[in-house]
């Protein structure tokens, strides 16, 4: 079983930066795909960025050039560096881990961390 714990959220002014962390415990994540997602009240959860086990990254258009996803497999931790934050980035941010099984996939979510960007 995998447990994911996010940290690093908080309140920041527009134009500021935050760094989110997602620590995984229970199993090595070196071969897993991981990602950051976000959700605001009344809206669907949306993908922010993903990173493969080989550190191939993919970003949503609305964060390209501002956010950077990375991972440290030795520490079982994934990060999201968020720069040039905008009020519309305000959301609960979740980390997700996708694990390939012999048959199918298993998906794990963290509990979320609140990011609030003031104008």
N, C-alpha and C. Protein backbone atom coordinates (compact mmCIF):
# COMPACT_ATOMS: atom_id res chain seq x y z
N UNK A 1 0.85 -1.18 0.00
CA UNK A 1 0.00 0.00 0.00
C UNK A 1 0.89 1.25 0.00
N UNK A 2 0.42 2.28 -0.65
CA UNK A 2 1.17 3.52 -0.77
C UNK A 2 0.42 4.63 -0.04
N UNK A 3 1.15 5.42 0.71
CA UNK A 3 0.58 6.61 1.33
C UNK A 3 1.31 7.84 0.78
N UNK A 4 0.52 8.85 0.44
CA UNK A 4 1.08 10.09 -0.11
C UNK A 4 0.71 11.24 0.81
N UNK A 5 1.69 12.06 1.14
CA UNK A 5 1.44 13.21 2.02
C UNK A 5 2.01 14.45 1.37
N UNK A 6 1.11 15.41 1.07
CA UNK A 6 1.55 16.68 0.49
C UNK A 6 1.88 17.69 1.59
N UNK A 7 2.77 18.60 1.25
CA UNK A 7 3.09 19.70 2.16
C UNK A 7 3.58 20.88 1.32
N UNK A 8 3.64 22.04 1.97
CA UNK A 8 4.19 23.22 1.29
C UNK A 8 3.17 24.23 0.83
N UNK A 9 1.90 23.91 0.98
CA UNK A 9 0.88 24.88 0.59
C UNK A 9 0.84 26.06 1.55
N UNK A 10 0.07 27.07 1.17
CA UNK A 10 -0.05 28.24 2.03
C UNK A 10 -0.61 29.41 1.29
N UNK A 11 -0.46 30.58 1.90
CA UNK A 11 -0.95 31.84 1.33
C UNK A 11 0.24 32.62 0.78
N UNK A 12 0.09 33.11 -0.44
CA UNK A 12 1.16 33.86 -1.08
C UNK A 12 0.54 34.95 -1.94
N UNK A 13 1.26 36.03 -2.10
CA UNK A 13 0.76 37.11 -2.96
C UNK A 13 1.00 36.76 -4.42
N UNK A 14 0.20 37.35 -5.28
CA UNK A 14 0.36 37.16 -6.71
C UNK A 14 1.79 37.54 -7.11
N UNK A 15 2.36 36.70 -7.98
CA UNK A 15 3.75 36.89 -8.40
C UNK A 15 4.75 36.13 -7.55
N UNK A 16 4.29 35.61 -6.42
CA UNK A 16 5.16 34.89 -5.51
C UNK A 16 5.36 33.44 -5.91
N UNK A 17 6.06 32.71 -5.04
CA UNK A 17 6.41 31.32 -5.32
C UNK A 17 6.09 30.44 -4.12
N UNK A 18 5.83 29.18 -4.42
CA UNK A 18 5.68 28.13 -3.41
C UNK A 18 6.27 26.85 -3.97
N UNK A 19 6.72 26.00 -3.07
CA UNK A 19 7.20 24.68 -3.47
C UNK A 19 6.43 23.62 -2.71
N UNK A 20 5.72 22.80 -3.46
CA UNK A 20 4.97 21.70 -2.87
C UNK A 20 5.82 20.43 -2.88
N UNK A 21 5.62 19.62 -1.86
CA UNK A 21 6.28 18.32 -1.78
C UNK A 21 5.23 17.23 -1.61
N UNK A 22 5.54 16.07 -2.14
CA UNK A 22 4.67 14.90 -1.97
C UNK A 22 5.58 13.74 -1.56
N UNK A 23 5.46 13.34 -0.31
CA UNK A 23 6.28 12.25 0.20
C UNK A 23 5.49 10.95 0.15
N UNK A 24 6.09 9.94 -0.43
CA UNK A 24 5.45 8.63 -0.56
C UNK A 24 6.06 7.66 0.42
N UNK A 25 5.23 6.89 1.06
CA UNK A 25 5.72 5.86 1.96
C UNK A 25 5.00 4.56 1.66
N UNK A 26 5.60 3.47 2.07
CA UNK A 26 4.97 2.18 1.91
C UNK A 26 5.53 1.37 0.77
N UNK A 27 6.15 2.05 -0.18
CA UNK A 27 6.68 1.31 -1.33
C UNK A 27 7.54 2.23 -2.17
N UNK A 28 8.55 1.66 -2.79
CA UNK A 28 9.38 2.48 -3.68
C UNK A 28 8.57 2.95 -4.88
N UNK A 29 8.72 4.20 -5.24
CA UNK A 29 7.95 4.72 -6.36
C UNK A 29 8.80 4.91 -7.61
N UNK A 30 9.95 4.29 -7.63
CA UNK A 30 10.90 4.58 -8.71
C UNK A 30 10.35 4.25 -10.09
N UNK A 31 9.40 3.33 -10.20
CA UNK A 31 8.90 2.96 -11.52
C UNK A 31 7.50 3.51 -11.78
N UNK A 32 7.03 4.37 -10.89
CA UNK A 32 5.67 4.88 -11.00
C UNK A 32 5.61 6.21 -11.74
N UNK A 33 4.42 6.47 -12.31
CA UNK A 33 4.13 7.79 -12.86
C UNK A 33 3.49 8.59 -11.75
N UNK A 34 3.92 9.83 -11.60
CA UNK A 34 3.37 10.68 -10.56
C UNK A 34 2.91 11.99 -11.16
N UNK A 35 2.03 12.66 -10.44
CA UNK A 35 1.53 13.91 -10.97
C UNK A 35 0.91 14.79 -9.91
N UNK A 36 0.73 16.04 -10.26
CA UNK A 36 0.04 17.03 -9.44
C UNK A 36 -1.27 17.40 -10.13
N UNK A 37 -2.31 17.48 -9.34
CA UNK A 37 -3.63 17.87 -9.81
C UNK A 37 -4.15 18.94 -8.86
N UNK A 38 -5.17 19.69 -9.32
CA UNK A 38 -5.74 20.69 -8.45
C UNK A 38 -7.25 20.76 -8.64
N UNK A 39 -7.90 21.27 -7.61
CA UNK A 39 -9.36 21.35 -7.65
C UNK A 39 -9.82 22.56 -6.86
N UNK A 40 -10.81 23.25 -7.43
CA UNK A 40 -11.49 24.34 -6.74
C UNK A 40 -12.95 23.95 -6.54
N UNK A 41 -13.62 24.55 -5.57
CA UNK A 41 -15.01 24.17 -5.29
C UNK A 41 -15.89 24.28 -6.53
N UNK A 42 -16.66 23.24 -6.77
CA UNK A 42 -17.60 23.25 -7.87
C UNK A 42 -16.99 22.90 -9.21
N UNK A 43 -15.71 22.61 -9.24
CA UNK A 43 -15.05 22.29 -10.51
C UNK A 43 -14.44 20.89 -10.45
N UNK A 44 -14.22 20.33 -11.63
CA UNK A 44 -13.57 19.05 -11.74
C UNK A 44 -12.10 19.18 -11.35
N UNK A 45 -11.56 18.10 -10.82
CA UNK A 45 -10.13 18.08 -10.54
C UNK A 45 -9.40 18.09 -11.88
N UNK A 46 -8.36 18.91 -12.00
CA UNK A 46 -7.65 19.03 -13.27
C UNK A 46 -6.16 18.71 -13.10
N UNK A 47 -5.61 18.17 -14.16
CA UNK A 47 -4.19 17.82 -14.15
C UNK A 47 -3.34 19.07 -14.28
N UNK A 48 -2.32 19.15 -13.47
CA UNK A 48 -1.38 20.27 -13.52
C UNK A 48 -0.10 19.84 -14.24
N UNK A 49 0.49 18.74 -13.80
CA UNK A 49 1.73 18.26 -14.40
C UNK A 49 1.92 16.81 -14.01
N UNK A 50 2.62 16.07 -14.87
CA UNK A 50 2.96 14.69 -14.57
C UNK A 50 4.43 14.45 -14.87
N UNK A 51 4.97 13.39 -14.24
CA UNK A 51 6.37 13.04 -14.44
C UNK A 51 6.49 11.52 -14.40
N UNK A 52 7.17 10.97 -15.38
CA UNK A 52 7.33 9.53 -15.44
C UNK A 52 8.52 9.09 -14.59
N UNK A 53 8.71 7.78 -14.51
CA UNK A 53 9.84 7.24 -13.76
C UNK A 53 11.16 7.68 -14.36
N UNK A 54 11.17 7.96 -15.67
CA UNK A 54 12.37 8.45 -16.34
C UNK A 54 12.46 9.96 -16.38
N UNK A 55 11.60 10.63 -15.57
CA UNK A 55 11.58 12.08 -15.45
C UNK A 55 11.16 12.80 -16.72
N UNK A 56 10.35 12.14 -17.54
CA UNK A 56 9.74 12.83 -18.66
C UNK A 56 8.53 13.60 -18.11
N UNK A 57 8.46 14.88 -18.40
CA UNK A 57 7.43 15.73 -17.81
C UNK A 57 6.41 16.18 -18.84
N UNK A 58 5.23 16.50 -18.32
CA UNK A 58 4.18 17.03 -19.16
C UNK A 58 3.39 18.03 -18.33
N UNK A 59 3.07 19.18 -18.92
CA UNK A 59 2.41 20.25 -18.19
C UNK A 59 1.11 20.67 -18.85
N UNK A 60 0.17 21.08 -18.04
CA UNK A 60 -1.02 21.73 -18.56
C UNK A 60 -0.61 23.09 -19.12
N UNK A 61 -1.31 23.53 -20.15
CA UNK A 61 -0.93 24.80 -20.79
C UNK A 61 -0.94 25.96 -19.82
N UNK A 62 -1.85 25.92 -18.85
CA UNK A 62 -2.00 27.09 -17.98
C UNK A 62 -0.86 27.23 -16.96
N UNK A 63 0.07 26.26 -16.89
CA UNK A 63 1.21 26.39 -15.98
C UNK A 63 2.55 26.34 -16.69
N UNK A 64 2.53 26.14 -17.98
CA UNK A 64 3.79 26.05 -18.72
C UNK A 64 4.62 27.33 -18.55
N UNK A 65 5.89 27.12 -18.25
CA UNK A 65 6.77 28.25 -18.06
C UNK A 65 6.77 28.82 -16.66
N UNK A 66 5.81 28.39 -15.83
CA UNK A 66 5.72 28.92 -14.46
C UNK A 66 5.97 27.83 -13.41
N UNK A 67 5.51 26.62 -13.66
CA UNK A 67 5.63 25.52 -12.70
C UNK A 67 6.65 24.51 -13.21
N UNK A 68 7.34 23.86 -12.28
CA UNK A 68 8.28 22.81 -12.61
C UNK A 68 8.05 21.61 -11.71
N UNK A 69 7.82 20.46 -12.33
CA UNK A 69 7.65 19.22 -11.57
C UNK A 69 8.96 18.46 -11.56
N UNK A 70 9.27 17.83 -10.45
CA UNK A 70 10.50 17.03 -10.36
C UNK A 70 10.28 15.92 -9.34
N UNK A 71 11.20 14.99 -9.31
CA UNK A 71 11.09 13.89 -8.35
C UNK A 71 12.48 13.46 -7.92
N UNK A 72 12.56 12.95 -6.71
CA UNK A 72 13.78 12.37 -6.17
C UNK A 72 13.43 10.96 -5.73
N UNK A 73 13.74 10.00 -6.58
CA UNK A 73 13.35 8.63 -6.29
C UNK A 73 14.05 8.09 -5.03
N UNK A 74 15.25 8.57 -4.77
CA UNK A 74 15.97 8.12 -3.58
C UNK A 74 15.26 8.53 -2.30
N UNK A 75 14.56 9.67 -2.36
CA UNK A 75 13.82 10.16 -1.20
C UNK A 75 12.33 9.85 -1.30
N UNK A 76 11.92 9.16 -2.36
CA UNK A 76 10.50 8.86 -2.55
C UNK A 76 9.65 10.12 -2.46
N UNK A 77 10.10 11.17 -3.10
CA UNK A 77 9.43 12.46 -3.00
C UNK A 77 9.32 13.12 -4.36
N UNK A 78 8.19 13.77 -4.58
CA UNK A 78 7.94 14.55 -5.79
C UNK A 78 7.73 16.00 -5.38
N UNK A 79 8.08 16.90 -6.28
CA UNK A 79 7.99 18.33 -5.96
C UNK A 79 7.24 19.07 -7.07
N UNK A 80 6.71 20.21 -6.70
CA UNK A 80 6.15 21.14 -7.68
C UNK A 80 6.61 22.54 -7.29
N UNK A 81 7.51 23.09 -8.07
CA UNK A 81 7.95 24.46 -7.87
C UNK A 81 7.01 25.37 -8.64
N UNK A 82 6.36 26.27 -7.92
CA UNK A 82 5.37 27.15 -8.54
C UNK A 82 5.86 28.59 -8.45
N UNK A 83 6.11 29.18 -9.59
CA UNK A 83 6.57 30.57 -9.67
C UNK A 83 5.52 31.42 -10.37
N UNK A 84 5.65 32.72 -10.22
CA UNK A 84 4.74 33.67 -10.88
C UNK A 84 3.29 33.28 -10.64
N UNK A 85 2.97 33.01 -9.40
CA UNK A 85 1.63 32.54 -9.06
C UNK A 85 0.59 33.61 -9.33
N UNK A 86 -0.60 33.15 -9.74
CA UNK A 86 -1.73 34.02 -10.05
C UNK A 86 -2.89 33.67 -9.13
N UNK A 87 -3.79 34.61 -8.91
CA UNK A 87 -4.97 34.29 -8.08
C UNK A 87 -5.75 33.07 -8.60
N UNK A 88 -5.77 32.88 -9.90
CA UNK A 88 -6.49 31.72 -10.45
C UNK A 88 -5.79 30.39 -10.19
N UNK A 89 -4.58 30.43 -9.63
CA UNK A 89 -3.92 29.19 -9.22
C UNK A 89 -4.41 28.72 -7.85
N UNK A 90 -5.24 29.52 -7.20
CA UNK A 90 -5.78 29.13 -5.91
C UNK A 90 -6.60 27.85 -6.04
N UNK A 91 -6.25 26.84 -5.24
CA UNK A 91 -6.91 25.54 -5.32
C UNK A 91 -6.33 24.64 -4.24
N UNK A 92 -6.96 23.50 -4.08
CA UNK A 92 -6.34 22.41 -3.31
C UNK A 92 -5.53 21.58 -4.30
N UNK A 93 -4.27 21.38 -3.97
CA UNK A 93 -3.37 20.63 -4.85
C UNK A 93 -3.18 19.22 -4.29
N UNK A 94 -3.32 18.25 -5.18
CA UNK A 94 -3.21 16.85 -4.81
C UNK A 94 -2.09 16.18 -5.58
N UNK A 95 -1.39 15.28 -4.94
CA UNK A 95 -0.45 14.45 -5.69
C UNK A 95 -1.09 13.09 -5.94
N UNK A 96 -0.68 12.49 -7.01
CA UNK A 96 -1.24 11.21 -7.47
C UNK A 96 -0.11 10.31 -7.93
N UNK A 97 -0.27 9.04 -7.65
CA UNK A 97 0.71 8.05 -8.08
C UNK A 97 -0.02 6.96 -8.86
N UNK A 98 0.48 6.65 -10.04
CA UNK A 98 -0.08 5.60 -10.89
C UNK A 98 0.90 4.44 -10.92
N UNK A 99 0.44 3.27 -10.50
CA UNK A 99 1.31 2.11 -10.44
C UNK A 99 0.81 1.02 -11.37
N UNK A 100 1.68 0.60 -12.27
CA UNK A 100 1.33 -0.48 -13.19
C UNK A 100 1.40 -1.81 -12.44
N UNK A 101 0.31 -2.56 -12.51
CA UNK A 101 0.24 -3.88 -11.89
C UNK A 101 0.34 -4.95 -12.98
N UNK A 102 0.40 -6.19 -12.55
CA UNK A 102 0.39 -7.27 -13.54
C UNK A 102 -0.86 -7.19 -14.40
N UNK A 103 -1.96 -6.80 -13.79
CA UNK A 103 -3.20 -6.62 -14.53
C UNK A 103 -3.78 -5.27 -14.16
N UNK A 104 -3.62 -4.33 -15.05
CA UNK A 104 -4.23 -3.03 -14.81
C UNK A 104 -3.33 -2.09 -14.04
N UNK A 105 -3.95 -1.08 -13.44
CA UNK A 105 -3.25 -0.03 -12.73
C UNK A 105 -3.87 0.15 -11.35
N UNK A 106 -3.06 0.67 -10.44
CA UNK A 106 -3.55 1.13 -9.14
C UNK A 106 -3.25 2.63 -9.04
N UNK A 107 -4.19 3.37 -8.48
CA UNK A 107 -4.06 4.82 -8.38
C UNK A 107 -4.17 5.24 -6.91
N UNK A 108 -3.26 6.11 -6.51
CA UNK A 108 -3.23 6.59 -5.13
C UNK A 108 -3.25 8.12 -5.13
N UNK A 109 -3.95 8.68 -4.13
CA UNK A 109 -4.05 10.13 -4.00
C UNK A 109 -3.61 10.55 -2.59
N UNK A 110 -3.03 11.73 -2.53
CA UNK A 110 -2.77 12.35 -1.24
C UNK A 110 -4.02 13.06 -0.74
N UNK A 111 -3.91 13.66 0.44
CA UNK A 111 -5.06 14.31 1.06
C UNK A 111 -5.25 15.74 0.58
N UNK A 112 -4.25 16.30 -0.08
CA UNK A 112 -4.35 17.64 -0.62
C UNK A 112 -3.73 18.69 0.28
N UNK A 113 -3.27 19.76 -0.36
CA UNK A 113 -2.74 20.90 0.38
C UNK A 113 -3.26 22.18 -0.27
N UNK A 114 -3.72 23.11 0.55
CA UNK A 114 -4.36 24.33 0.05
C UNK A 114 -3.31 25.34 -0.38
N UNK A 115 -3.50 25.87 -1.58
CA UNK A 115 -2.69 26.99 -2.07
C UNK A 115 -3.63 28.16 -2.33
N UNK A 116 -3.33 29.28 -1.71
CA UNK A 116 -4.15 30.48 -1.88
C UNK A 116 -3.25 31.62 -2.35
N UNK A 117 -3.64 32.21 -3.48
CA UNK A 117 -2.86 33.31 -4.05
C UNK A 117 -3.72 34.57 -3.99
N UNK A 118 -3.24 35.55 -3.26
CA UNK A 118 -4.00 36.80 -3.11
C UNK A 118 -3.56 37.81 -4.17
N UNK A 119 -4.53 38.64 -4.57
CA UNK A 119 -4.23 39.63 -5.62
C UNK A 119 -3.72 40.93 -5.02
